[in-house]
Amino acid sequence: MILTSEVIRPADLRPPIPERYRGLKNPLAQGEKNLQSGEWLYDIHCSACHGGNLEGNGPEAGGFLPPPANLIALITAVKPPESYLFWRIREGGPGLPEAWKPWNSAMPVWKEELTDDDIWRIILYIYEAAGEGSSPHE
């Protein structure tokens, strides 16, 4: 067994956020209307892969390698800032940094179909559904 004094930080478990997305804050209030809208948008655009329970086991998840992210585990264990989710949803798999390739993420690029506010609503819903309420900031 090899022992190491290195500590793995949650930020080491995810690609670094590109500069232009770092520090972005969700401009929307976590009110009931935004949460309901976020849930509706998630159900339409995300649940086929990430599942209705956010665990990465949607009906379309079986064909992907790597599989869709378990969003519950991501939010509760890795605790990414909201700017991370905004970047990953908006830019999808093609937006991953070169250093993280050949990680062949099938995550779609949603910036053409969803407005930024729609993406923020989905993020509000994901954090709420994961039991984290409001999302952490960087």
N, C-alpha and C. Protein backbone atom coordinates (compact mmCIF):
# COMPACT_ATOMS: atom_id res chain seq x y z
N MET A 1 0.85 -1.17 0.00
CA MET A 1 0.00 0.00 0.00
C MET A 1 0.90 1.24 0.00
N ILE A 2 0.56 2.17 -0.84
CA ILE A 2 1.30 3.43 -0.91
C ILE A 2 0.52 4.48 -0.15
N LEU A 3 1.18 5.08 0.80
CA LEU A 3 0.55 6.16 1.56
C LEU A 3 1.03 7.49 1.01
N THR A 4 0.18 8.41 0.99
CA THR A 4 0.54 9.73 0.50
C THR A 4 -0.04 10.78 1.43
N SER A 5 0.63 11.89 1.50
CA SER A 5 0.14 12.98 2.34
C SER A 5 -0.72 13.95 1.53
N GLU A 6 -0.87 13.68 0.23
CA GLU A 6 -1.68 14.55 -0.60
C GLU A 6 -3.15 14.44 -0.22
N VAL A 7 -3.80 15.56 -0.22
CA VAL A 7 -5.22 15.60 0.07
C VAL A 7 -5.95 15.88 -1.23
N ILE A 8 -6.97 15.08 -1.50
CA ILE A 8 -7.77 15.32 -2.68
C ILE A 8 -8.88 16.29 -2.30
N ARG A 9 -8.89 17.41 -3.00
CA ARG A 9 -9.92 18.42 -2.77
C ARG A 9 -11.07 18.20 -3.74
N PRO A 10 -12.29 18.57 -3.35
CA PRO A 10 -13.41 18.42 -4.29
C PRO A 10 -13.15 19.07 -5.64
N ALA A 11 -12.46 20.19 -5.68
CA ALA A 11 -12.18 20.87 -6.95
C ALA A 11 -11.28 20.03 -7.87
N ASP A 12 -10.51 19.08 -7.28
CA ASP A 12 -9.66 18.21 -8.10
C ASP A 12 -10.46 17.15 -8.84
N LEU A 13 -11.72 16.96 -8.48
CA LEU A 13 -12.55 15.93 -9.07
C LEU A 13 -13.37 16.42 -10.25
N ARG A 14 -13.15 17.66 -10.65
CA ARG A 14 -13.89 18.23 -11.76
C ARG A 14 -12.96 19.12 -12.57
N PRO A 15 -13.27 19.29 -13.86
CA PRO A 15 -12.44 20.19 -14.66
C PRO A 15 -12.49 21.61 -14.12
N PRO A 16 -11.42 22.37 -14.29
CA PRO A 16 -11.45 23.76 -13.84
C PRO A 16 -12.40 24.60 -14.68
N ILE A 17 -13.04 25.54 -14.04
CA ILE A 17 -13.99 26.42 -14.71
C ILE A 17 -13.20 27.41 -15.58
N PRO A 18 -13.57 27.54 -16.85
CA PRO A 18 -12.89 28.53 -17.68
C PRO A 18 -13.04 29.94 -17.09
N GLU A 19 -12.05 30.75 -17.32
CA GLU A 19 -11.99 32.10 -16.76
C GLU A 19 -13.28 32.88 -16.97
N ARG A 20 -13.83 32.83 -18.18
CA ARG A 20 -15.01 33.66 -18.47
C ARG A 20 -16.25 33.22 -17.70
N TYR A 21 -16.23 32.03 -17.11
CA TYR A 21 -17.37 31.56 -16.32
C TYR A 21 -17.13 31.64 -14.81
N ARG A 22 -15.87 31.82 -14.42
CA ARG A 22 -15.54 31.87 -12.98
C ARG A 22 -16.23 33.02 -12.28
N GLY A 23 -16.78 32.70 -11.13
CA GLY A 23 -17.37 33.73 -10.29
C GLY A 23 -18.78 34.15 -10.67
N LEU A 24 -19.34 33.54 -11.72
CA LEU A 24 -20.72 33.90 -12.07
C LEU A 24 -21.65 33.50 -10.93
N LYS A 25 -22.61 34.33 -10.66
CA LYS A 25 -23.60 34.07 -9.61
C LYS A 25 -24.98 33.98 -10.25
N ASN A 26 -25.79 33.14 -9.70
CA ASN A 26 -27.14 32.98 -10.20
C ASN A 26 -27.91 34.28 -9.92
N PRO A 27 -28.39 34.96 -10.96
CA PRO A 27 -29.09 36.22 -10.75
C PRO A 27 -30.56 36.04 -10.34
N LEU A 28 -31.03 34.80 -10.34
CA LEU A 28 -32.45 34.55 -10.07
C LEU A 28 -32.69 34.18 -8.61
N ALA A 29 -33.81 34.62 -8.10
CA ALA A 29 -34.21 34.28 -6.72
C ALA A 29 -34.66 32.82 -6.67
N GLN A 30 -34.48 32.23 -5.52
CA GLN A 30 -34.86 30.83 -5.34
C GLN A 30 -36.34 30.71 -4.95
N GLY A 31 -37.18 31.47 -5.59
CA GLY A 31 -38.61 31.45 -5.30
C GLY A 31 -39.30 30.25 -5.92
N GLU A 32 -40.53 30.04 -5.50
CA GLU A 32 -41.30 28.88 -5.95
C GLU A 32 -41.47 28.86 -7.47
N LYS A 33 -41.71 30.02 -8.07
CA LYS A 33 -41.91 30.10 -9.52
C LYS A 33 -40.66 29.64 -10.27
N ASN A 34 -39.48 30.11 -9.85
CA ASN A 34 -38.23 29.71 -10.52
C ASN A 34 -37.93 28.23 -10.29
N LEU A 35 -38.20 27.73 -9.09
CA LEU A 35 -37.96 26.31 -8.81
C LEU A 35 -38.88 25.42 -9.64
N GLN A 36 -40.15 25.80 -9.75
CA GLN A 36 -41.09 25.02 -10.56
C GLN A 36 -40.70 25.05 -12.04
N SER A 37 -40.31 26.21 -12.51
CA SER A 37 -39.87 26.34 -13.89
C SER A 37 -38.60 25.52 -14.11
N GLY A 38 -37.68 25.57 -13.16
CA GLY A 38 -36.44 24.79 -13.25
C GLY A 38 -36.71 23.30 -13.28
N GLU A 39 -37.66 22.85 -12.47
CA GLU A 39 -38.02 21.43 -12.47
C GLU A 39 -38.62 21.04 -13.83
N TRP A 40 -39.49 21.87 -14.36
CA TRP A 40 -40.11 21.60 -15.66
C TRP A 40 -39.04 21.54 -16.76
N LEU A 41 -38.13 22.50 -16.76
CA LEU A 41 -37.05 22.52 -17.76
C LEU A 41 -36.14 21.30 -17.60
N TYR A 42 -35.83 20.93 -16.35
CA TYR A 42 -35.00 19.75 -16.08
C TYR A 42 -35.71 18.51 -16.63
N ASP A 43 -36.99 18.36 -16.34
CA ASP A 43 -37.73 17.19 -16.80
C ASP A 43 -37.68 17.06 -18.32
N ILE A 44 -37.80 18.18 -19.02
CA ILE A 44 -37.81 18.18 -20.49
C ILE A 44 -36.42 17.93 -21.07
N HIS A 45 -35.41 18.62 -20.54
CA HIS A 45 -34.10 18.63 -21.17
C HIS A 45 -33.05 17.73 -20.52
N CYS A 46 -33.23 17.35 -19.28
CA CYS A 46 -32.16 16.67 -18.54
C CYS A 46 -32.50 15.26 -18.05
N SER A 47 -33.76 15.02 -17.74
CA SER A 47 -34.12 13.78 -17.05
C SER A 47 -33.92 12.52 -17.90
N ALA A 48 -33.97 12.63 -19.23
CA ALA A 48 -33.76 11.44 -20.06
C ALA A 48 -32.40 10.81 -19.80
N CYS A 49 -31.41 11.63 -19.48
CA CYS A 49 -30.07 11.12 -19.18
C CYS A 49 -29.79 11.07 -17.68
N HIS A 50 -30.06 12.17 -17.00
CA HIS A 50 -29.72 12.27 -15.57
C HIS A 50 -30.78 11.66 -14.66
N GLY A 51 -31.94 11.33 -15.21
CA GLY A 51 -32.99 10.67 -14.44
C GLY A 51 -33.85 11.65 -13.66
N GLY A 52 -35.08 11.23 -13.40
CA GLY A 52 -35.99 12.05 -12.62
C GLY A 52 -35.53 12.23 -11.19
N ASN A 53 -34.66 11.32 -10.73
CA ASN A 53 -34.14 11.39 -9.37
C ASN A 53 -32.74 12.03 -9.32
N LEU A 54 -32.24 12.51 -10.44
CA LEU A 54 -30.95 13.19 -10.58
C LEU A 54 -29.74 12.27 -10.37
N GLU A 55 -29.93 10.96 -10.38
CA GLU A 55 -28.85 10.02 -10.07
C GLU A 55 -28.12 9.48 -11.30
N GLY A 56 -28.35 10.07 -12.47
CA GLY A 56 -27.63 9.66 -13.67
C GLY A 56 -28.16 8.38 -14.29
N ASN A 57 -29.38 8.00 -13.95
CA ASN A 57 -29.91 6.73 -14.42
C ASN A 57 -31.20 6.89 -15.23
N GLY A 58 -31.25 7.93 -16.06
CA GLY A 58 -32.42 8.15 -16.90
C GLY A 58 -32.53 7.07 -17.97
N PRO A 59 -33.66 7.00 -18.67
CA PRO A 59 -33.88 5.95 -19.67
C PRO A 59 -32.87 5.96 -20.82
N GLU A 60 -32.22 7.08 -21.09
CA GLU A 60 -31.22 7.17 -22.16
C GLU A 60 -29.78 7.01 -21.64
N ALA A 61 -29.60 6.85 -20.35
CA ALA A 61 -28.27 6.85 -19.74
C ALA A 61 -27.42 5.65 -20.10
N GLY A 62 -28.04 4.52 -20.39
CA GLY A 62 -27.30 3.28 -20.60
C GLY A 62 -26.34 3.28 -21.76
N GLY A 63 -26.53 4.11 -22.73
CA GLY A 63 -25.67 4.08 -23.91
C GLY A 63 -24.46 4.98 -23.86
N PHE A 64 -24.22 5.64 -22.74
CA PHE A 64 -23.12 6.62 -22.69
C PHE A 64 -21.95 6.14 -21.83
N LEU A 65 -20.74 6.43 -22.32
CA LEU A 65 -19.53 6.18 -21.55
C LEU A 65 -18.63 7.39 -21.74
N PRO A 66 -18.38 8.18 -20.75
CA PRO A 66 -18.83 7.98 -19.38
C PRO A 66 -20.34 8.21 -19.24
N PRO A 67 -20.92 7.61 -18.20
CA PRO A 67 -22.36 7.78 -18.00
C PRO A 67 -22.69 9.20 -17.56
N PRO A 68 -23.96 9.59 -17.67
CA PRO A 68 -24.36 10.91 -17.18
C PRO A 68 -24.03 11.05 -15.69
N ALA A 69 -23.71 12.25 -15.30
CA ALA A 69 -23.34 12.51 -13.90
C ALA A 69 -24.51 12.23 -12.96
N ASN A 70 -24.17 11.67 -11.82
CA ASN A 70 -25.11 11.56 -10.71
C ASN A 70 -25.09 12.94 -10.06
N LEU A 71 -26.12 13.72 -10.30
CA LEU A 71 -26.13 15.11 -9.84
C LEU A 71 -26.27 15.21 -8.32
N ILE A 72 -26.91 14.23 -7.70
CA ILE A 72 -27.01 14.23 -6.23
C ILE A 72 -25.60 14.11 -5.65
N ALA A 73 -24.83 13.13 -6.13
CA ALA A 73 -23.46 12.95 -5.64
C ALA A 73 -22.59 14.15 -5.97
N LEU A 74 -22.74 14.68 -7.17
CA LEU A 74 -21.95 15.85 -7.56
C LEU A 74 -22.19 17.00 -6.60
N ILE A 75 -23.45 17.30 -6.34
CA ILE A 75 -23.79 18.46 -5.52
C ILE A 75 -23.42 18.22 -4.06
N THR A 76 -23.70 17.04 -3.53
CA THR A 76 -23.47 16.80 -2.10
C THR A 76 -22.02 16.46 -1.76
N ALA A 77 -21.30 15.80 -2.67
CA ALA A 77 -19.92 15.40 -2.36
C ALA A 77 -18.88 16.35 -2.94
N VAL A 78 -19.02 16.69 -4.20
CA VAL A 78 -18.02 17.54 -4.86
C VAL A 78 -18.28 19.02 -4.58
N LYS A 79 -19.56 19.38 -4.40
CA LYS A 79 -19.98 20.74 -4.06
C LYS A 79 -19.43 21.80 -5.02
N PRO A 80 -19.73 21.66 -6.31
CA PRO A 80 -19.24 22.67 -7.26
C PRO A 80 -19.97 23.99 -7.08
N PRO A 81 -19.30 25.09 -7.39
CA PRO A 81 -20.01 26.38 -7.36
C PRO A 81 -21.00 26.43 -8.51
N GLU A 82 -21.97 27.29 -8.38
CA GLU A 82 -23.01 27.40 -9.40
C GLU A 82 -22.44 27.76 -10.77
N SER A 83 -21.33 28.47 -10.80
CA SER A 83 -20.72 28.83 -12.08
C SER A 83 -20.23 27.59 -12.82
N TYR A 84 -19.84 26.55 -12.09
CA TYR A 84 -19.42 25.29 -12.71
C TYR A 84 -20.59 24.65 -13.46
N LEU A 85 -21.72 24.52 -12.78
CA LEU A 85 -22.89 23.93 -13.44
C LEU A 85 -23.35 24.77 -14.61
N PHE A 86 -23.32 26.08 -14.47
CA PHE A 86 -23.72 26.95 -15.56
C PHE A 86 -22.85 26.69 -16.79
N TRP A 87 -21.54 26.63 -16.59
CA TRP A 87 -20.61 26.37 -17.68
C TRP A 87 -20.85 25.00 -18.31
N ARG A 88 -20.99 23.95 -17.47
CA ARG A 88 -21.14 22.59 -18.00
C ARG A 88 -22.46 22.42 -18.76
N ILE A 89 -23.53 23.03 -18.26
CA ILE A 89 -24.81 22.93 -18.96
C ILE A 89 -24.76 23.74 -20.25
N ARG A 90 -24.25 24.93 -20.18
CA ARG A 90 -24.24 25.83 -21.34
C ARG A 90 -23.35 25.30 -22.46
N GLU A 91 -22.15 24.82 -22.12
CA GLU A 91 -21.16 24.41 -23.13
C GLU A 91 -21.13 22.91 -23.40
N GLY A 92 -21.68 22.09 -22.52
CA GLY A 92 -21.74 20.65 -22.73
C GLY A 92 -20.37 19.99 -22.85
N GLY A 93 -20.37 18.78 -23.37
CA GLY A 93 -19.14 18.00 -23.54
C GLY A 93 -18.10 18.69 -24.40
N PRO A 94 -18.49 19.31 -25.52
CA PRO A 94 -17.49 19.99 -26.35
C PRO A 94 -16.77 21.13 -25.63
N GLY A 95 -17.33 21.62 -24.52
CA GLY A 95 -16.71 22.73 -23.80
C GLY A 95 -15.65 22.31 -22.79
N LEU A 96 -15.38 21.00 -22.70
CA LEU A 96 -14.36 20.55 -21.74
C LEU A 96 -12.97 21.00 -22.17
N PRO A 97 -12.11 21.33 -21.20
CA PRO A 97 -10.74 21.73 -21.53
C PRO A 97 -9.96 20.58 -22.18
N GLU A 98 -9.01 20.90 -23.01
CA GLU A 98 -8.19 19.89 -23.70
C GLU A 98 -7.54 18.92 -22.71
N ALA A 99 -7.12 19.42 -21.56
CA ALA A 99 -6.44 18.57 -20.58
C ALA A 99 -7.33 17.44 -20.06
N TRP A 100 -8.64 17.59 -20.18
CA TRP A 100 -9.57 16.56 -19.69
C TRP A 100 -10.00 15.60 -20.79
N LYS A 101 -9.49 15.77 -21.99
CA LYS A 101 -9.82 14.85 -23.07
C LYS A 101 -8.84 13.70 -23.01
N PRO A 102 -9.20 12.51 -23.34
CA PRO A 102 -10.31 12.12 -24.19
C PRO A 102 -11.62 11.82 -23.44
N TRP A 103 -11.85 12.46 -22.32
CA TRP A 103 -13.12 12.27 -21.62
C TRP A 103 -14.21 12.66 -22.61
N ASN A 104 -14.90 11.70 -23.12
CA ASN A 104 -15.82 11.90 -24.22
C ASN A 104 -17.24 12.12 -23.71
N SER A 105 -17.47 13.22 -23.05
CA SER A 105 -18.78 13.51 -22.48
C SER A 105 -19.81 13.75 -23.59
N ALA A 106 -20.94 13.07 -23.46
CA ALA A 106 -22.03 13.24 -24.43
C ALA A 106 -22.97 14.37 -24.03
N MET A 107 -22.61 15.12 -23.00
CA MET A 107 -23.46 16.22 -22.54
C MET A 107 -23.68 17.19 -23.69
N PRO A 108 -24.96 17.45 -24.03
CA PRO A 108 -25.23 18.38 -25.14
C PRO A 108 -24.84 19.82 -24.80
N VAL A 109 -24.62 20.59 -25.84
CA VAL A 109 -24.42 22.02 -25.71
C VAL A 109 -25.82 22.64 -25.67
N TRP A 110 -26.17 23.26 -24.54
CA TRP A 110 -27.54 23.76 -24.38
C TRP A 110 -27.68 25.26 -24.66
N LYS A 111 -26.59 25.97 -24.91
CA LYS A 111 -26.68 27.42 -25.07
C LYS A 111 -27.50 27.84 -26.28
N GLU A 112 -27.69 26.95 -27.23
CA GLU A 112 -28.49 27.28 -28.41
C GLU A 112 -29.99 27.09 -28.16
N GLU A 113 -30.35 26.22 -27.22
CA GLU A 113 -31.75 25.90 -26.96
C GLU A 113 -32.31 26.54 -25.69
N LEU A 114 -31.46 26.78 -24.73
CA LEU A 114 -31.90 27.33 -23.44
C LEU A 114 -31.33 28.73 -23.25
N THR A 115 -32.13 29.62 -22.70
CA THR A 115 -31.61 30.94 -22.35
C THR A 115 -30.74 30.80 -21.10
N ASP A 116 -29.95 31.80 -20.83
CA ASP A 116 -29.15 31.77 -19.60
C ASP A 116 -30.05 31.68 -18.38
N ASP A 117 -31.17 32.40 -18.38
CA ASP A 117 -32.10 32.31 -17.24
C ASP A 117 -32.68 30.91 -17.10
N ASP A 118 -32.96 30.24 -18.22
CA ASP A 118 -33.44 28.85 -18.14
C ASP A 118 -32.40 27.97 -17.47
N ILE A 119 -31.14 28.14 -17.85
CA ILE A 119 -30.07 27.35 -17.25
C ILE A 119 -29.97 27.64 -15.76
N TRP A 120 -30.06 28.90 -15.36
CA TRP A 120 -30.01 29.24 -13.94
C TRP A 120 -31.20 28.62 -13.20
N ARG A 121 -32.37 28.57 -13.81
CA ARG A 121 -33.54 27.95 -13.17
C ARG A 121 -33.30 26.45 -12.96
N ILE A 122 -32.72 25.80 -13.96
CA ILE A 122 -32.39 24.38 -13.82
C ILE A 122 -31.42 24.18 -12.66
N ILE A 123 -30.44 25.05 -12.55
CA ILE A 123 -29.45 24.96 -11.47
C ILE A 123 -30.13 25.14 -10.12
N LEU A 124 -31.03 26.11 -10.00
CA LEU A 124 -31.78 26.28 -8.75
C LEU A 124 -32.50 24.98 -8.38
N TYR A 125 -33.14 24.38 -9.37
CA TYR A 125 -33.87 23.13 -9.11
C TYR A 125 -32.92 22.01 -8.71
N ILE A 126 -31.80 21.86 -9.40
CA ILE A 126 -30.86 20.78 -9.08
C ILE A 126 -30.37 20.88 -7.64
N TYR A 127 -29.95 22.07 -7.21
CA TYR A 127 -29.47 22.23 -5.84
C TYR A 127 -30.59 21.96 -4.83
N GLU A 128 -31.78 22.43 -5.13
CA GLU A 128 -32.92 22.20 -4.23
C GLU A 128 -33.26 20.71 -4.16
N ALA A 129 -33.32 20.04 -5.30
CA ALA A 129 -33.66 18.62 -5.34
C ALA A 129 -32.58 17.76 -4.69
N ALA A 130 -31.34 18.22 -4.72
CA ALA A 130 -30.24 17.50 -4.08
C ALA A 130 -30.20 17.74 -2.57
N GLY A 131 -31.10 18.60 -2.09
CA GLY A 131 -31.16 18.86 -0.66
C GLY A 131 -30.19 19.91 -0.17
N GLU A 132 -29.63 20.65 -1.10
CA GLU A 132 -28.65 21.67 -0.73
C GLU A 132 -29.23 23.07 -0.70
N GLY A 133 -30.49 23.24 -1.08
CA GLY A 133 -31.10 24.57 -1.07
C GLY A 133 -30.40 25.49 -2.03
N SER A 134 -29.75 26.47 -1.51
CA SER A 134 -29.05 27.42 -2.38
C SER A 134 -27.69 26.86 -2.75
N SER A 135 -27.21 27.28 -3.89
CA SER A 135 -25.93 26.78 -4.40
C SER A 135 -24.77 27.56 -3.79
N PRO A 136 -23.61 26.89 -3.63
CA PRO A 136 -22.43 27.58 -3.08
C PRO A 136 -21.81 28.50 -4.11
N HIS A 137 -21.12 29.49 -3.62
CA HIS A 137 -20.38 30.40 -4.49
C HIS A 137 -18.92 30.01 -4.45
N GLU A 138 -18.16 30.48 -5.45
CA GLU A 138 -16.72 30.18 -5.50
C GLU A 138 -16.01 30.87 -4.37
